[in-house]
Amino acid sequence: MIKISDHARKAMAKHGITEDEVMEAMIDGETEFEVFKGDEKRYGNVLTEKMRKLVAIWCYENGIKMVITCYPLRRKG
C-alpha cells in the first residue's frame, strides 16, 4: 500500500502532477537515492517520462510507503 501525504498533494497540485504519475513513479520508477533526515530514512524514486522526470520522495510510516513530496526534476542552465 502507498499513501500520499497532504504536503505531497499540495506539491502535486502546484506542479500539475497526477496521482497516477506518482503511483507510476513509486511502482516503475528507479529508487535513485536514500538519505537520512534525523532518524528517518527517506528514498527518492525517479520516473522518466517523455517530457520530464518526476521525483517522489518517500519513507516508511508504520510499514506503509508514505509519499512525502514530489516534483518535476528541472535541468540547470
PDB file of N, CA and C in Angstrom:
ATOM      1  N   MET A   1       0.836  -1.178   0.000  1.00  0.00           N
ATOM      2  CA  MET A   1       0.000   0.000   0.000  1.00  0.00           C
ATOM      3  C   MET A   1       0.882   1.243   0.000  1.00  0.00           C
ATOM      4  N   ILE A   2       0.431   2.277  -0.711  1.00  0.00           N
ATOM      5  CA  ILE A   2       1.148   3.543  -0.793  1.00  0.00           C
ATOM      6  C   ILE A   2       0.181   4.655  -0.422  1.00  0.00           C
ATOM      7  N   LYS A   3       0.615   5.518   0.508  1.00  0.00           N
ATOM      8  CA  LYS A   3      -0.195   6.668   0.903  1.00  0.00           C
ATOM      9  C   LYS A   3       0.493   7.935   0.414  1.00  0.00           C
ATOM     10  N   ILE A   4      -0.304   8.973   0.199  1.00  0.00           N
ATOM     11  CA  ILE A   4       0.231  10.263  -0.232  1.00  0.00           C
ATOM     12  C   ILE A   4      -0.107  11.296   0.834  1.00  0.00           C
ATOM     13  N   SER A   5       0.908  11.978   1.354  1.00  0.00           N
ATOM     14  CA  SER A   5       0.703  12.973   2.410  1.00  0.00           C
ATOM     15  C   SER A   5       0.001  14.212   1.866  1.00  0.00           C
ATOM     16  N   ASP A   6      -0.545  15.008   2.779  1.00  0.00           N
ATOM     17  CA  ASP A   6      -1.176  16.270   2.385  1.00  0.00           C
ATOM     18  C   ASP A   6      -0.164  17.193   1.722  1.00  0.00           C
ATOM     19  N   HIS A   7       1.060  17.214   2.260  1.00  0.00           N
ATOM     20  CA  HIS A   7       2.111  18.046   1.666  1.00  0.00           C
ATOM     21  C   HIS A   7       2.388  17.628   0.220  1.00  0.00           C
ATOM     22  N   ALA A   8       2.459  16.319  -0.015  1.00  0.00           N
ATOM     23  CA  ALA A   8       2.701  15.826  -1.370  1.00  0.00           C
ATOM     24  C   ALA A   8       1.550  16.204  -2.295  1.00  0.00           C
ATOM     25  N   ARG A   9       0.316  16.140  -1.803  1.00  0.00           N
ATOM     26  CA  ARG A   9      -0.841  16.517  -2.628  1.00  0.00           C
ATOM     27  C   ARG A   9      -0.790  17.997  -3.020  1.00  0.00           C
ATOM     28  N   LYS A  10      -0.324  18.852  -2.112  1.00  0.00           N
ATOM     29  CA  LYS A  10      -0.169  20.284  -2.435  1.00  0.00           C
ATOM     30  C   LYS A  10       0.905  20.468  -3.503  1.00  0.00           C
ATOM     31  N   ALA A  11       2.001  19.726  -3.374  1.00  0.00           N
ATOM     32  CA  ALA A  11       3.081  19.808  -4.375  1.00  0.00           C
ATOM     33  C   ALA A  11       2.585  19.300  -5.724  1.00  0.00           C
ATOM     34  N   MET A  12       1.778  18.239  -5.711  1.00  0.00           N
ATOM     35  CA  MET A  12       1.227  17.700  -6.955  1.00  0.00           C
ATOM     36  C   MET A  12       0.369  18.749  -7.655  1.00  0.00           C
ATOM     37  N   ALA A  13      -0.477  19.430  -6.889  1.00  0.00           N
ATOM     38  CA  ALA A  13      -1.345  20.460  -7.466  1.00  0.00           C
ATOM     39  C   ALA A  13      -0.514  21.616  -8.024  1.00  0.00           C
ATOM     40  N   LYS A  14       0.501  22.009  -7.294  1.00  0.00           N
ATOM     41  CA  LYS A  14       1.369  23.114  -7.718  1.00  0.00           C
ATOM     42  C   LYS A  14       2.081  22.807  -9.034  1.00  0.00           C
ATOM     43  N   HIS A  15       2.531  21.556  -9.194  1.00  0.00           N
ATOM     44  CA  HIS A  15       3.339  21.182 -10.355  1.00  0.00           C
ATOM     45  C   HIS A  15       2.561  20.443 -11.440  1.00  0.00           C
ATOM     46  N   GLY A  16       1.260  20.266 -11.257  1.00  0.00           N
ATOM     47  CA  GLY A  16       0.453  19.583 -12.269  1.00  0.00           C
ATOM     48  C   GLY A  16       0.772  18.107 -12.395  1.00  0.00           C
ATOM     49  N   ILE A  17       1.028  17.456 -11.260  1.00  0.00           N
ATOM     50  CA  ILE A  17       1.352  16.033 -11.238  1.00  0.00           C
ATOM     51  C   ILE A  17       0.112  15.272 -10.778  1.00  0.00           C
ATOM     52  N   THR A  18      -0.234  14.215 -11.487  1.00  0.00           N
ATOM     53  CA  THR A  18      -1.415  13.434 -11.127  1.00  0.00           C
ATOM     54  C   THR A  18      -1.051  12.324 -10.138  1.00  0.00           C
ATOM     55  N   GLU A  19      -2.074  11.799  -9.472  1.00  0.00           N
ATOM     56  CA  GLU A  19      -1.858  10.686  -8.559  1.00  0.00           C
ATOM     57  C   GLU A  19      -1.353   9.462  -9.323  1.00  0.00           C
ATOM     58  N   ASP A  20      -1.852   9.270 -10.540  1.00  0.00           N
ATOM     59  CA  ASP A  20      -1.379   8.152 -11.362  1.00  0.00           C
ATOM     60  C   ASP A  20       0.118   8.261 -11.639  1.00  0.00           C
ATOM     61  N   GLU A  21       0.592   9.479 -11.907  1.00  0.00           N
ATOM     62  CA  GLU A  21       2.023   9.669 -12.166  1.00  0.00           C
ATOM     63  C   GLU A  21       2.853   9.361 -10.919  1.00  0.00           C
ATOM     64  N   VAL A  22       2.357   9.777  -9.754  1.00  0.00           N
ATOM     65  CA  VAL A  22       3.074   9.489  -8.509  1.00  0.00           C
ATOM     66  C   VAL A  22       3.124   7.979  -8.279  1.00  0.00           C
ATOM     67  N   MET A  23       2.003   7.319  -8.483  1.00  0.00           N
ATOM     68  CA  MET A  23       1.972   5.867  -8.293  1.00  0.00           C
ATOM     69  C   MET A  23       2.903   5.161  -9.274  1.00  0.00           C
ATOM     70  N   GLU A  24       2.955   5.659 -10.509  1.00  0.00           N
ATOM     71  CA  GLU A  24       3.863   5.081 -11.501  1.00  0.00           C
ATOM     72  C   GLU A  24       5.314   5.264 -11.062  1.00  0.00           C
ATOM     73  N   ALA A  25       5.630   6.451 -10.508  1.00  0.00           N
ATOM     74  CA  ALA A  25       6.987   6.692 -10.016  1.00  0.00           C
ATOM     75  C   ALA A  25       7.332   5.740  -8.881  1.00  0.00           C
ATOM     76  N   MET A  26       6.354   5.471  -8.024  1.00  0.00           N
ATOM     77  CA  MET A  26       6.589   4.581  -6.892  1.00  0.00           C
ATOM     78  C   MET A  26       6.741   3.123  -7.327  1.00  0.00           C
ATOM     79  N   ILE A  27       5.998   2.726  -8.345  1.00  0.00           N
ATOM     80  CA  ILE A  27       5.998   1.329  -8.775  1.00  0.00           C
ATOM     81  C   ILE A  27       7.054   1.054  -9.845  1.00  0.00           C
ATOM     82  N   ASP A  28       7.116   1.913 -10.858  1.00  0.00           N
ATOM     83  CA  ASP A  28       8.001   1.671 -12.002  1.00  0.00           C
ATOM     84  C   ASP A  28       9.275   2.506 -11.981  1.00  0.00           C
ATOM     85  N   GLY A  29       9.312   3.566 -11.172  1.00  0.00           N
ATOM     86  CA  GLY A  29      10.488   4.431 -11.127  1.00  0.00           C
ATOM     87  C   GLY A  29      11.642   3.759 -10.403  1.00  0.00           C
ATOM     88  N   GLU A  30      12.811   4.237 -10.680  1.00  0.00           N
ATOM     89  CA  GLU A  30      14.023   3.718 -10.047  1.00  0.00           C
ATOM     90  C   GLU A  30      14.243   4.436  -8.713  1.00  0.00           C
ATOM     91  N   THR A  31      14.569   3.686  -7.665  1.00  0.00           N
ATOM     92  CA  THR A  31      14.967   4.308  -6.406  1.00  0.00           C
ATOM     93  C   THR A  31      16.416   4.737  -6.580  1.00  0.00           C
ATOM     94  N   GLU A  32      16.612   6.049  -6.730  1.00  0.00           N
ATOM     95  CA  GLU A  32      17.939   6.552  -7.090  1.00  0.00           C
ATOM     96  C   GLU A  32      18.739   7.079  -5.915  1.00  0.00           C
ATOM     97  N   PHE A  33      18.079   7.340  -4.783  1.00  0.00           N
ATOM     98  CA  PHE A  33      18.866   7.779  -3.642  1.00  0.00           C
ATOM     99  C   PHE A  33      18.157   7.475  -2.332  1.00  0.00           C
ATOM    100  N   GLU A  34      18.965   7.430  -1.282  1.00  0.00           N
ATOM    101  CA  GLU A  34      18.497   7.225   0.082  1.00  0.00           C
ATOM    102  C   GLU A  34      19.211   8.249   0.945  1.00  0.00           C
ATOM    103  N   VAL A  35      18.477   8.935   1.801  1.00  0.00           N
ATOM    104  CA  VAL A  35      19.064   9.917   2.713  1.00  0.00           C
ATOM    105  C   VAL A  35      18.416   9.765   4.086  1.00  0.00           C
ATOM    106  N   PHE A  36      19.111  10.251   5.091  1.00  0.00           N
ATOM    107  CA  PHE A  36      18.544  10.271   6.438  1.00  0.00           C
ATOM    108  C   PHE A  36      18.192  11.705   6.792  1.00  0.00           C
ATOM    109  N   LYS A  37      17.007  11.893   7.342  1.00  0.00           N
ATOM    110  CA  LYS A  37      16.618  13.174   7.920  1.00  0.00           C
ATOM    111  C   LYS A  37      16.317  12.869   9.376  1.00  0.00           C
ATOM    112  N   GLY A  38      17.249  13.228  10.250  1.00  0.00           N
ATOM    113  CA  GLY A  38      17.155  12.799  11.645  1.00  0.00           C
ATOM    114  C   GLY A  38      17.294  11.292  11.696  1.00  0.00           C
ATOM    115  N   ASP A  39      16.337  10.638  12.323  1.00  0.00           N
ATOM    116  CA  ASP A  39      16.345   9.179  12.416  1.00  0.00           C
ATOM    117  C   ASP A  39      15.548   8.523  11.295  1.00  0.00           C
ATOM    118  N   GLU A  40      14.967   9.331  10.419  1.00  0.00           N
ATOM    119  CA  GLU A  40      14.096   8.804   9.363  1.00  0.00           C
ATOM    120  C   GLU A  40      14.872   8.605   8.059  1.00  0.00           C
ATOM    121  N   LYS A  41      14.761   7.422   7.491  1.00  0.00           N
ATOM    122  CA  LYS A  41      15.392   7.136   6.206  1.00  0.00           C
ATOM    123  C   LYS A  41      14.392   7.468   5.106  1.00  0.00           C
ATOM    124  N   ARG A  42      14.801   8.307   4.170  1.00  0.00           N
ATOM    125  CA  ARG A  42      13.952   8.703   3.046  1.00  0.00           C
ATOM    126  C   ARG A  42      14.552   8.213   1.742  1.00  0.00           C
ATOM    127  N   TYR A  43      13.678   7.959   0.792  1.00  0.00           N
ATOM    128  CA  TYR A  43      14.073   7.429  -0.506  1.00  0.00           C
ATOM    129  C   TYR A  43      13.576   8.366  -1.597  1.00  0.00           C
ATOM    130  N   GLY A  44      14.246   8.340  -2.726  1.00  0.00           N
ATOM    131  CA  GLY A  44      13.819   9.128  -3.875  1.00  0.00           C
ATOM    132  C   GLY A  44      13.672   8.242  -5.098  1.00  0.00           C
ATOM    133  N   ASN A  45      12.451   8.158  -5.590  1.00  0.00           N
ATOM    134  CA  ASN A  45      12.194   7.426  -6.833  1.00  0.00           C
ATOM    135  C   ASN A  45      12.095   8.427  -7.970  1.00  0.00           C
ATOM    136  N   VAL A  46      12.696   8.099  -9.091  1.00  0.00           N
ATOM    137  CA  VAL A  46      12.671   8.972 -10.262  1.00  0.00           C
ATOM    138  C   VAL A  46      12.002   8.222 -11.409  1.00  0.00           C
ATOM    139  N   LEU A  47      11.028   8.883 -12.005  1.00  0.00           N
ATOM    140  CA  LEU A  47      10.319   8.335 -13.156  1.00  0.00           C
ATOM    141  C   LEU A  47      10.618   9.214 -14.356  1.00  0.00           C
ATOM    142  N   THR A  48      11.153   8.630 -15.417  1.00  0.00           N
ATOM    143  CA  THR A  48      11.436   9.369 -16.636  1.00  0.00           C
ATOM    144  C   THR A  48      10.248   9.234 -17.575  1.00  0.00           C
ATOM    145  N   GLU A  49       9.624  10.374 -17.882  1.00  0.00           N
ATOM    146  CA  GLU A  49       8.531  10.416 -18.844  1.00  0.00           C
ATOM    147  C   GLU A  49       9.069  11.024 -20.131  1.00  0.00           C
ATOM    148  N   LYS A  50       8.205  11.150 -21.127  1.00  0.00           N
ATOM    149  CA  LYS A  50       8.639  11.709 -22.411  1.00  0.00           C
ATOM    150  C   LYS A  50       9.130  13.143 -22.274  1.00  0.00           C
ATOM    151  N   MET A  51       8.396  13.974 -21.530  1.00  0.00           N
ATOM    152  CA  MET A  51       8.708  15.396 -21.482  1.00  0.00           C
ATOM    153  C   MET A  51       9.384  15.853 -20.187  1.00  0.00           C
ATOM    154  N   ARG A  52       9.440  14.994 -19.170  1.00  0.00           N
ATOM    155  CA  ARG A  52      10.024  15.406 -17.889  1.00  0.00           C
ATOM    156  C   ARG A  52      10.370  14.193 -17.046  1.00  0.00           C
ATOM    157  N   LYS A  53      11.085  14.482 -15.970  1.00  0.00           N
ATOM    158  CA  LYS A  53      11.368  13.467 -14.954  1.00  0.00           C
ATOM    159  C   LYS A  53      10.636  13.880 -13.690  1.00  0.00           C
ATOM    160  N   LEU A  54      10.038  12.904 -13.017  1.00  0.00           N
ATOM    161  CA  LEU A  54       9.361  13.162 -11.756  1.00  0.00           C
ATOM    162  C   LEU A  54      10.139  12.519 -10.621  1.00  0.00           C
ATOM    163  N   VAL A  55      10.207  13.211  -9.500  1.00  0.00           N
ATOM    164  CA  VAL A  55      10.852  12.692  -8.311  1.00  0.00           C
ATOM    165  C   VAL A  55       9.791  12.550  -7.230  1.00  0.00           C
ATOM    166  N   ALA A  56       9.721  11.389  -6.604  1.00  0.00           N
ATOM    167  CA  ALA A  56       8.826  11.150  -5.473  1.00  0.00           C
ATOM    168  C   ALA A  56       9.693  10.803  -4.271  1.00  0.00           C
ATOM    169  N   ILE A  57       9.614  11.621  -3.231  1.00  0.00           N
ATOM    170  CA  ILE A  57      10.356  11.387  -2.001  1.00  0.00           C
ATOM    171  C   ILE A  57       9.412  10.680  -1.033  1.00  0.00           C
ATOM    172  N   TRP A  58       9.886   9.566  -0.454  1.00  0.00           N
ATOM    173  CA  TRP A  58       9.012   8.783   0.413  1.00  0.00           C
ATOM    174  C   TRP A  58       9.776   8.144   1.550  1.00  0.00           C
ATOM    175  N   CYS A  59       9.034   7.663   2.532  1.00  0.00           N
ATOM    176  CA  CYS A  59       9.601   6.942   3.667  1.00  0.00           C
ATOM    177  C   CYS A  59       8.607   5.867   4.087  1.00  0.00           C
ATOM    178  N   TYR A  60       9.023   5.041   5.013  1.00  0.00           N
ATOM    179  CA  TYR A  60       8.102   4.064   5.590  1.00  0.00           C
ATOM    180  C   TYR A  60       7.480   4.677   6.833  1.00  0.00           C
ATOM    181  N   GLU A  61       6.163   4.601   6.918  1.00  0.00           N
ATOM    182  CA  GLU A  61       5.444   5.054   8.101  1.00  0.00           C
ATOM    183  C   GLU A  61       4.541   3.907   8.550  1.00  0.00           C
ATOM    184  N   ASN A  62       4.871   3.314   9.681  1.00  0.00           N
ATOM    185  CA  ASN A  62       4.126   2.152  10.185  1.00  0.00           C
ATOM    186  C   ASN A  62       4.070   1.030   9.148  1.00  0.00           C
ATOM    187  N   GLY A  63       5.185   0.823   8.450  1.00  0.00           N
ATOM    188  CA  GLY A  63       5.272  -0.262   7.477  1.00  0.00           C
ATOM    189  C   GLY A  63       4.631   0.025   6.129  1.00  0.00           C
ATOM    190  N   ILE A  64       4.119   1.235   5.944  1.00  0.00           N
ATOM    191  CA  ILE A  64       3.468   1.621   4.686  1.00  0.00           C
ATOM    192  C   ILE A  64       4.316   2.697   4.017  1.00  0.00           C
ATOM    193  N   LYS A  65       4.455   2.615   2.706  1.00  0.00           N
ATOM    194  CA  LYS A  65       5.184   3.655   1.973  1.00  0.00           C
ATOM    195  C   LYS A  65       4.347   4.932   1.965  1.00  0.00           C
ATOM    196  N   MET A  66       4.950   6.035   2.457  1.00  0.00           N
ATOM    197  CA  MET A  66       4.279   7.335   2.511  1.00  0.00           C
ATOM    198  C   MET A  66       5.043   8.315   1.629  1.00  0.00           C
ATOM    199  N   VAL A  67       4.378   8.827   0.596  1.00  0.00           N
ATOM    200  CA  VAL A  67       4.991   9.831  -0.269  1.00  0.00           C
ATOM    201  C   VAL A  67       4.964  11.151   0.491  1.00  0.00           C
ATOM    202  N   ILE A  68       6.142  11.727   0.697  1.00  0.00           N
ATOM    203  CA  ILE A  68       6.278  12.963   1.458  1.00  0.00           C
ATOM    204  C   ILE A  68       6.096  14.174   0.553  1.00  0.00           C
ATOM    205  N   THR A  69       6.730  14.133  -0.610  1.00  0.00           N
ATOM    206  CA  THR A  69       6.607  15.209  -1.582  1.00  0.00           C
ATOM    207  C   THR A  69       6.965  14.676  -2.967  1.00  0.00           C
ATOM    208  N   CYS A  70       6.662  15.449  -3.975  1.00  0.00           N
ATOM    209  CA  CYS A  70       7.027  15.090  -5.346  1.00  0.00           C
ATOM    210  C   CYS A  70       7.149  16.369  -6.160  1.00  0.00           C
ATOM    211  N   TYR A  71       7.963  16.294  -7.190  1.00  0.00           N
ATOM    212  CA  TYR A  71       8.190  17.472  -8.022  1.00  0.00           C
ATOM    213  C   TYR A  71       8.829  17.038  -9.334  1.00  0.00           C
ATOM    214  N   PRO A  72       8.708  17.903 -10.361  1.00  0.00           N
ATOM    215  CA  PRO A  72       9.419  17.612 -11.611  1.00  0.00           C
ATOM    216  C   PRO A  72      10.889  17.972 -11.436  1.00  0.00           C
ATOM    217  N   LEU A  73      11.769  17.170 -11.971  1.00  0.00           N
ATOM    218  CA  LEU A  73      13.193  17.431 -11.921  1.00  0.00           C
ATOM    219  C   LEU A  73      13.523  18.422 -13.023  1.00  0.00           C
ATOM    220  N   ARG A  74      14.116  19.515 -12.661  1.00  0.00           N
ATOM    221  CA  ARG A  74      14.431  20.568 -13.621  1.00  0.00           C
ATOM    222  C   ARG A  74      15.913  20.514 -13.977  1.00  0.00           C
ATOM    223  N   ARG A  75      16.171  20.844 -15.220  1.00  0.00           N
ATOM    224  CA  ARG A  75      17.571  20.917 -15.668  1.00  0.00           C
ATOM    225  C   ARG A  75      18.144  22.272 -15.296  1.00  0.00           C
ATOM    226  N   LYS A  76      19.414  22.289 -14.934  1.00  0.00           N
ATOM    227  CA  LYS A  76      20.096  23.535 -14.646  1.00  0.00           C
ATOM    228  C   LYS A  76      20.613  24.129 -15.940  1.00  0.00           C
ATOM    229  N   GLY A  77      20.601  25.470 -15.966  1.00  0.00           N
ATOM    230  CA  GLY A  77      21.241  26.165 -17.046  1.00  0.00           C
ATOM    231  C   GLY A  77      20.471  26.311 -18.256  1.00  0.00           C
TER     232      GLY A  77
END
